Protein backbone atom coordinates (compact mmCIF):
# COMPACT_ATOMS: atom_id res chain seq x y z
CA MET A 1 -24.98 -25.34 -6.52
CA LEU A 2 -22.42 -22.71 -7.57
CA THR A 3 -20.92 -22.72 -11.05
CA PHE A 4 -18.30 -20.38 -12.48
CA THR A 5 -15.90 -20.35 -15.42
CA ILE A 6 -12.24 -19.47 -14.92
CA SER A 7 -11.17 -16.26 -16.67
CA GLU A 8 -7.74 -15.56 -18.17
CA ASP A 9 -6.85 -13.37 -15.19
CA ALA A 10 -7.91 -15.99 -12.62
CA ALA A 11 -6.02 -18.82 -14.35
CA GLY A 12 -2.94 -20.34 -12.72
CA GLN A 13 -4.24 -20.30 -9.14
CA ARG A 14 -4.60 -23.30 -6.87
CA LEU A 15 -8.16 -24.56 -6.79
CA ASP A 16 -8.41 -24.41 -3.00
CA LYS A 17 -7.37 -20.75 -3.01
CA LEU A 18 -10.02 -19.97 -5.59
CA VAL A 19 -12.73 -21.82 -3.69
CA ARG A 20 -11.82 -20.05 -0.47
CA LYS A 21 -12.35 -16.73 -2.25
CA ALA A 22 -15.71 -17.85 -3.55
CA LEU A 23 -16.78 -19.08 -0.09
CA ARG A 24 -15.02 -16.50 2.05
CA ASP A 25 -17.47 -16.88 4.95
CA VAL A 26 -17.42 -20.68 5.00
CA PRO A 27 -15.08 -22.16 7.66
CA LEU A 28 -11.80 -23.43 6.22
CA SER A 29 -12.35 -26.87 7.73
CA HIS A 30 -15.65 -27.16 5.86
CA VAL A 31 -14.07 -26.09 2.57
CA TYR A 32 -11.54 -28.92 2.77
CA LYS A 33 -14.26 -31.35 3.83
CA MET A 34 -16.02 -30.45 0.58
CA PHE A 35 -12.87 -31.43 -1.31
CA ARG A 36 -12.69 -34.76 0.53
CA THR A 37 -16.37 -35.53 -0.13
CA ARG A 38 -16.01 -34.65 -3.84
CA LYS A 39 -18.40 -31.73 -3.76
CA ILE A 40 -15.96 -29.57 -5.74
CA ARG A 41 -15.70 -30.53 -9.41
CA VAL A 42 -13.62 -29.20 -12.30
CA ASN A 43 -14.82 -29.90 -15.82
CA GLY A 44 -16.97 -32.72 -14.44
CA GLY A 45 -14.14 -34.48 -12.59
CA ARG A 46 -13.12 -34.44 -8.94
CA GLY A 47 -11.41 -31.22 -7.94
CA LYS A 48 -8.12 -31.50 -6.07
CA ALA A 49 -7.09 -28.75 -3.68
CA GLU A 50 -3.58 -28.40 -5.11
CA GLN A 51 -4.46 -28.42 -8.81
CA LEU A 52 -3.97 -25.27 -10.87
CA VAL A 53 -6.99 -23.99 -12.75
CA ALA A 54 -6.79 -22.96 -16.40
CA ALA A 55 -8.74 -20.41 -18.40
CA GLY A 56 -12.04 -21.90 -19.49
CA ASP A 57 -12.23 -24.49 -16.70
CA VAL A 58 -15.73 -24.87 -15.27
CA VAL A 59 -15.74 -25.17 -11.49
CA VAL A 60 -18.84 -26.51 -9.73
CA ILE A 61 -19.35 -26.34 -5.96
CA ARG A 62 -22.15 -28.67 -4.91
CA GLY A 63 -24.36 -27.52 -2.08
CA ASP A 64 -27.16 -25.17 -1.19
CA GLU A 65 -26.24 -21.83 -2.74
CA GLU A 66 -28.19 -19.82 -0.18
CA ARG A 67 -26.45 -21.55 2.71
CA LEU A 68 -23.00 -21.26 1.14
CA LEU A 69 -23.41 -17.53 0.53
CA ALA A 70 -25.78 -16.70 3.40
CA ARG A 71 -23.40 -14.64 5.48
CA GLN A 72 -21.57 -12.93 2.65
CA GLU A 73 -21.95 -9.18 2.39
CA PRO A 74 -21.17 -7.01 -0.62
CA GLU A 75 -17.59 -5.86 -0.98
CA PRO A 76 -16.97 -2.24 0.06
CA GLY A 77 -17.23 0.19 -2.81
CA ALA A 78 -20.59 1.88 -2.62
CA ARG A 79 -19.09 4.40 -0.20
CA ALA A 80 -16.15 5.31 -2.44
CA GLY A 81 -17.42 8.88 -2.89
CA ALA A 82 -15.35 11.48 -4.70
CA VAL A 83 -11.88 10.38 -5.77
CA THR A 84 -9.36 12.51 -3.87
CA PHE A 85 -6.08 11.09 -5.15
CA GLY A 86 -4.13 12.42 -8.11
CA VAL A 87 -3.24 10.17 -11.05
CA LEU A 88 0.50 10.06 -11.75
CA HIS A 89 0.56 7.28 -14.35
CA GLU A 90 -1.85 4.75 -15.81
CA ASP A 91 -1.51 1.94 -18.32
CA ALA A 92 -3.18 -1.42 -18.94
CA ASP A 93 -1.68 -3.04 -15.84
CA VAL A 94 -0.79 -0.30 -13.36
CA LEU A 95 -2.40 2.76 -11.83
CA ALA A 96 0.01 5.04 -9.93
CA VAL A 97 -1.68 7.53 -7.63
CA ASP A 98 -0.67 10.41 -5.37
CA LYS A 99 -2.38 9.51 -2.11
CA PRO A 100 -3.34 12.45 0.11
CA ALA A 101 -2.58 12.39 3.83
CA GLY A 102 -5.48 11.11 5.89
CA LEU A 103 -6.66 8.57 3.32
CA ALA A 104 -6.35 4.97 4.55
CA ALA A 105 -5.22 2.38 2.01
CA HIS A 106 -7.62 -0.39 3.08
CA PRO A 107 -10.75 -0.77 5.21
CA GLY A 108 -10.03 -1.93 8.74
CA THR A 109 -10.67 -1.49 12.42
CA GLY A 110 -11.12 2.17 13.26
CA ILE A 111 -11.24 3.19 9.59
CA SER A 112 -14.32 5.19 8.63
CA GLY A 113 -15.21 6.61 5.24
CA ALA A 114 -13.86 5.68 1.86
CA THR A 115 -10.39 4.20 1.42
CA LEU A 116 -7.82 4.18 -1.36
CA VAL A 117 -8.77 0.69 -2.54
CA GLU A 118 -12.42 1.72 -2.90
CA MET A 119 -11.56 4.96 -4.67
CA ALA A 120 -9.20 3.15 -7.06
CA ARG A 121 -11.91 0.65 -7.97
CA ALA A 122 -14.40 3.47 -8.49
CA HIS A 123 -11.91 5.34 -10.69
CA LEU A 124 -11.28 2.22 -12.77
CA GLY A 125 -14.98 1.35 -13.05
CA THR A 126 -14.61 -2.05 -11.39
CA PRO A 127 -18.06 -3.71 -11.40
CA ALA A 128 -19.57 -3.99 -7.92
CA ASP A 129 -20.97 -7.43 -8.73
CA LEU A 130 -17.66 -8.93 -9.87
CA PRO A 131 -17.51 -12.57 -8.68
CA PRO A 132 -15.34 -13.07 -5.57
CA THR A 133 -13.08 -15.40 -7.55
CA GLU A 134 -12.05 -12.52 -9.82
CA PHE A 135 -9.21 -10.15 -8.93
CA LYS A 136 -10.19 -6.62 -7.98
CA PRO A 137 -7.69 -3.76 -8.42
CA SER A 138 -5.74 -3.26 -5.19
CA PRO A 139 -2.74 -1.31 -3.83
CA ALA A 140 0.43 -3.38 -4.20
CA HIS A 141 2.08 -1.79 -1.14
CA ARG A 142 1.07 0.41 1.78
CA LEU A 143 1.62 3.91 3.04
CA ASP A 144 0.73 5.00 6.54
CA ARG A 145 -2.62 6.77 6.64
CA ASP A 146 -1.01 10.14 7.47
CA THR A 147 1.74 9.79 4.83
CA SER A 148 1.10 11.23 1.38
CA GLY A 149 2.65 10.28 -1.95
CA VAL A 150 3.13 7.55 -4.53
CA VAL A 151 1.14 4.32 -4.32
CA LEU A 152 0.94 1.66 -7.04
CA VAL A 153 -2.35 -0.10 -7.71
CA ALA A 154 -2.31 -3.42 -9.58
CA LYS A 155 -5.11 -3.76 -12.12
CA ASN A 156 -4.90 -7.54 -12.49
CA ARG A 157 -3.68 -10.58 -10.60
CA LYS A 158 -0.51 -11.19 -12.62
CA THR A 159 0.58 -7.60 -12.07
CA MET A 160 -0.09 -7.92 -8.35
CA VAL A 161 1.99 -11.11 -8.16
CA ARG A 162 4.93 -9.45 -9.93
CA LEU A 163 4.74 -6.25 -7.88
CA THR A 164 4.63 -8.29 -4.69
CA GLU A 165 7.79 -10.08 -5.80
CA LEU A 166 9.52 -6.78 -6.57
CA PHE A 167 8.59 -5.15 -3.27
CA THR A 168 9.44 -8.26 -1.25
CA ASP A 169 12.87 -8.64 -2.85
CA GLY A 170 13.51 -4.89 -2.85
CA ALA A 171 16.71 -5.06 -4.91
CA ASP A 172 15.22 -3.36 -7.98
CA VAL A 173 12.96 -0.93 -6.11
CA LYS A 174 14.05 2.51 -4.92
CA LYS A 175 11.72 4.43 -2.60
CA THR A 176 12.59 8.01 -1.67
CA TYR A 177 10.66 9.97 0.94
CA LEU A 178 10.84 13.58 2.08
CA ALA A 179 10.72 14.08 5.84
CA LEU A 180 10.96 17.22 7.95
CA VAL A 181 12.53 16.26 11.26
CA LYS A 182 13.33 17.85 14.58
CA GLY A 183 16.69 19.59 14.92
CA LYS A 184 19.80 19.80 12.79
CA MET A 185 21.38 16.54 11.69
CA PRO A 186 24.98 15.89 12.81
CA ARG A 187 26.25 15.51 9.25
CA GLU A 188 25.09 15.81 5.63
CA ALA A 189 24.17 12.14 5.16
CA GLY A 190 24.01 8.94 7.12
CA THR A 191 22.61 5.46 7.61
CA ILE A 192 20.43 4.08 10.38
CA ASP A 193 21.06 0.35 10.72
CA LEU A 194 18.85 -0.61 13.63
CA PRO A 195 16.75 -3.79 13.95
CA LEU A 196 13.11 -3.11 14.76
CA ALA A 197 10.71 -5.22 16.78
CA GLU A 198 8.14 -7.00 14.62
CA HIS A 199 5.17 -4.66 14.69
CA GLU A 200 2.41 -7.27 14.68
CA GLN A 201 4.03 -9.99 16.77
CA THR A 202 1.46 -11.64 19.02
CA ALA A 203 1.73 -11.72 22.79
CA ARG A 204 1.86 -15.52 22.61
CA SER A 205 4.82 -15.37 20.21
CA LYS A 206 6.65 -12.89 22.45
CA ALA A 207 6.12 -15.12 25.46
CA ALA A 208 7.39 -18.18 23.59
CA ARG A 209 10.48 -16.76 21.89
CA GLY A 210 10.91 -13.17 23.00
CA VAL A 211 10.70 -10.06 20.86
CA ASN A 212 11.35 -10.81 17.19
CA LEU A 213 13.80 -8.23 15.84
CA GLN A 214 13.79 -7.59 12.10
CA GLU A 215 16.64 -6.13 10.05
CA ALA A 216 15.92 -2.52 9.04
CA LEU A 217 18.11 -0.10 7.07
CA THR A 218 17.33 3.57 6.40
CA ARG A 219 19.53 6.05 4.54
CA TRP A 220 19.10 9.82 4.80
CA LYS A 221 20.54 12.93 3.17
CA VAL A 222 20.02 16.54 4.21
CA VAL A 223 18.19 18.65 1.62
CA SER A 224 18.07 21.84 3.70
CA ALA A 225 18.45 22.56 7.38
CA MET A 226 18.50 25.07 10.20
CA LYS A 227 18.86 24.79 13.96
CA GLU A 228 15.24 23.80 14.64
CA ALA A 229 14.56 21.41 11.73
CA SER A 230 16.03 19.51 8.80
CA LEU A 231 14.42 18.42 5.54
CA LEU A 232 15.69 14.97 4.60
CA ALA A 233 15.54 12.80 1.49
CA VAL A 234 15.15 9.30 2.94
CA THR A 235 15.52 5.96 1.20
CA ILE A 236 14.70 2.60 2.75
CA GLU A 237 16.16 -0.78 1.87
CA THR A 238 13.70 -2.71 4.02
CA GLY A 239 9.98 -2.16 4.44
CA ARG A 240 9.22 -2.50 8.14
CA THR A 241 6.06 -1.00 9.60
CA HIS A 242 6.59 2.71 10.42
CA GLN A 243 10.30 2.18 9.66
CA ILE A 244 11.24 5.77 8.83
CA ARG A 245 9.27 7.19 11.74
CA ARG A 246 10.67 4.69 14.25
CA HIS A 247 14.25 5.00 13.00
CA LEU A 248 14.30 8.80 13.04
CA GLU A 249 12.72 8.86 16.49
CA ALA A 250 15.37 6.40 17.70
CA VAL A 251 18.22 8.73 16.68
CA GLY A 252 16.62 11.77 18.29
CA HIS A 253 15.22 13.42 15.15
CA PRO A 254 11.53 12.45 14.99
CA VAL A 255 9.36 13.45 12.04
CA LEU A 256 7.56 16.72 12.71
CA GLY A 257 3.81 16.34 13.09
CA ASP A 258 4.08 12.65 13.99
CA ARG A 259 1.54 12.14 16.76
CA ARG A 260 2.77 8.64 17.62
CA TYR A 261 6.56 8.75 17.52
CA GLY A 262 7.09 12.51 17.45
CA ASP A 263 7.94 15.11 20.07
CA PHE A 264 4.78 16.85 21.31
CA PRO A 265 6.28 20.27 22.24
CA THR A 266 8.15 20.43 18.90
CA ASN A 267 5.02 19.45 16.97
CA ARG A 268 3.06 22.19 18.72
CA ALA A 269 5.74 24.76 17.93
CA ALA A 270 5.83 23.70 14.27
CA ARG A 271 2.07 24.11 14.08
CA GLN A 272 2.14 27.56 15.65
CA ARG A 273 5.19 28.93 13.78
CA TRP A 274 4.97 27.21 10.40
CA GLY A 275 1.35 26.11 10.16
CA LEU A 276 2.29 22.41 9.99
CA ARG A 277 -0.97 20.62 10.75
CA ARG A 278 -0.03 17.11 9.58
CA MET A 279 2.88 14.71 9.66
CA PHE A 280 5.63 15.85 7.29
CA LEU A 281 6.36 12.53 5.59
CA HIS A 282 5.82 12.23 1.85
CA ALA A 283 6.53 9.29 -0.48
CA TRP A 284 8.21 11.44 -3.09
CA ARG A 285 9.72 9.09 -5.66
CA LEU A 286 9.35 5.45 -6.61
CA GLU A 287 11.55 3.73 -9.19
CA LEU A 288 11.19 0.10 -10.28
CA PRO A 289 10.94 -2.07 -13.39
CA HIS A 290 7.49 -2.08 -14.95
CA PRO A 291 5.86 -5.34 -13.75
CA THR A 292 4.88 -6.35 -17.29
CA THR A 293 7.39 -4.80 -19.69
CA GLY A 294 10.42 -4.55 -17.42
CA ALA A 295 11.06 -0.99 -18.67
CA PRO A 296 12.07 1.58 -16.02
CA LEU A 297 9.06 3.10 -14.30
CA ARG A 298 9.90 6.34 -12.52
CA LEU A 299 7.17 8.07 -10.55
CA GLU A 300 7.23 11.32 -8.62
CA ALA A 301 4.50 12.87 -6.47
CA PRO A 302 4.81 16.64 -6.00
CA LEU A 303 4.99 17.97 -2.47
CA PRO A 304 1.48 18.92 -1.31
CA GLY A 305 0.82 22.62 -0.97
CA GLU A 306 0.51 22.52 2.82
CA LEU A 307 3.99 21.01 3.15
CA LEU A 308 5.51 23.52 0.73
CA GLU A 309 3.89 26.29 2.73
CA ALA A 310 5.39 24.97 5.96
CA LEU A 311 8.85 24.83 4.36
CA SER A 312 8.48 28.36 3.09
CA ARG A 313 7.50 29.68 6.51
CA ALA A 314 10.45 27.82 8.04
CA ASN A 315 12.81 29.33 5.40
CA LEU A 316 13.78 25.87 4.17
CA SER A 317 14.11 24.96 0.52
CA SER A 318 12.58 21.89 -1.13
CA PRO A 319 14.58 19.60 -3.47
CA ALA A 320 15.47 21.03 -6.87
CA GLY A 321 12.73 20.32 -9.38
CA THR A 322 10.06 19.56 -6.77
CA ALA A 323 6.73 20.48 -8.31
CA SER A 324 4.19 22.51 -6.40
CA GLY A 325 0.73 21.33 -5.47
CA ARG A 326 -0.97 17.97 -5.99
CA ALA A 327 -1.83 16.10 -9.16
CA ALA A 328 -5.42 16.71 -10.14
CA PRO A 329 -7.97 14.00 -9.31
CA ARG A 330 -9.25 11.58 -11.95
CA GLY A 331 -8.62 12.52 -15.56
CA ALA A 332 -6.20 15.42 -15.13
CA ALA A 333 -3.09 13.27 -14.74
CA ARG A 334 0.50 14.38 -14.42
CA PRO A 335 2.24 11.41 -16.07
CA HIS A 336 5.67 10.68 -14.65
CA GLY A 337 5.60 7.19 -16.09
CA GLU A 338 7.95 5.29 -18.37
CA ARG A 339 10.50 7.59 -19.89
């Protein structure tokens, strides 16, 4: 028999969602069978899948504890290793970090070594034995593995819910990236309004209804340029997978160093001439209301040294006020928080 008490942070969730977290390796059909057979109790009474739990509620799951938890393995975290991100801002609800290129946000297929989520939990001292029903600090949005820059980590469930709402709606969120692209742009600023195919659409879905095109809007402005390359400040009003990279490739100005959507001969030349050994895409600024207070939260991640060096060797200037280097790991924060 499993017994746990609902914390303040876990309160407000549907009971079935909470039970599924607690029994993450138990088949969904069996979980709902346990509801039907009254093996899930709340404060001594029958638990209903749709009911919302409150702080202090005692949830009991009847059954053999060893069998219910037999296949569960510890959450990742032991392999977090040294924290490599810089801290841009931290308060009771939010941790804003400067993610280095090459660091994946989450564990997944083909991902080896520590990830951002594991490093964030290590930095925050999240207990390894925290019950599965409790929220664990997690990134509230994603950056491509090879993109550097600002990422927000929610410290609690309520913050995650609010950040998810903000990023999904997008109206009050402004994301600005810096991208070095192939060639000289045709004008000083522009908009790419081009629907993109859903990145994770299944083959079955494509066969049934064709390719699902999603609205995507990207705005760009030239920061500095020459014949061979342009440095752009890019803002996005939608958050499609690889949106900036796919949009810039579509208009003939792929991001330099991009091994998937880029131009191989140009990438090789940029490496040889300017020492650019990674994709030049950096999540530079993020502006949004603080998820708890509503006050403006403005975050800026300085351009990494290797990207500044490439710009210097290409005789291109970075945006006015762009700081040099990367924020120091762990305690040595560069706070660009509420101001």
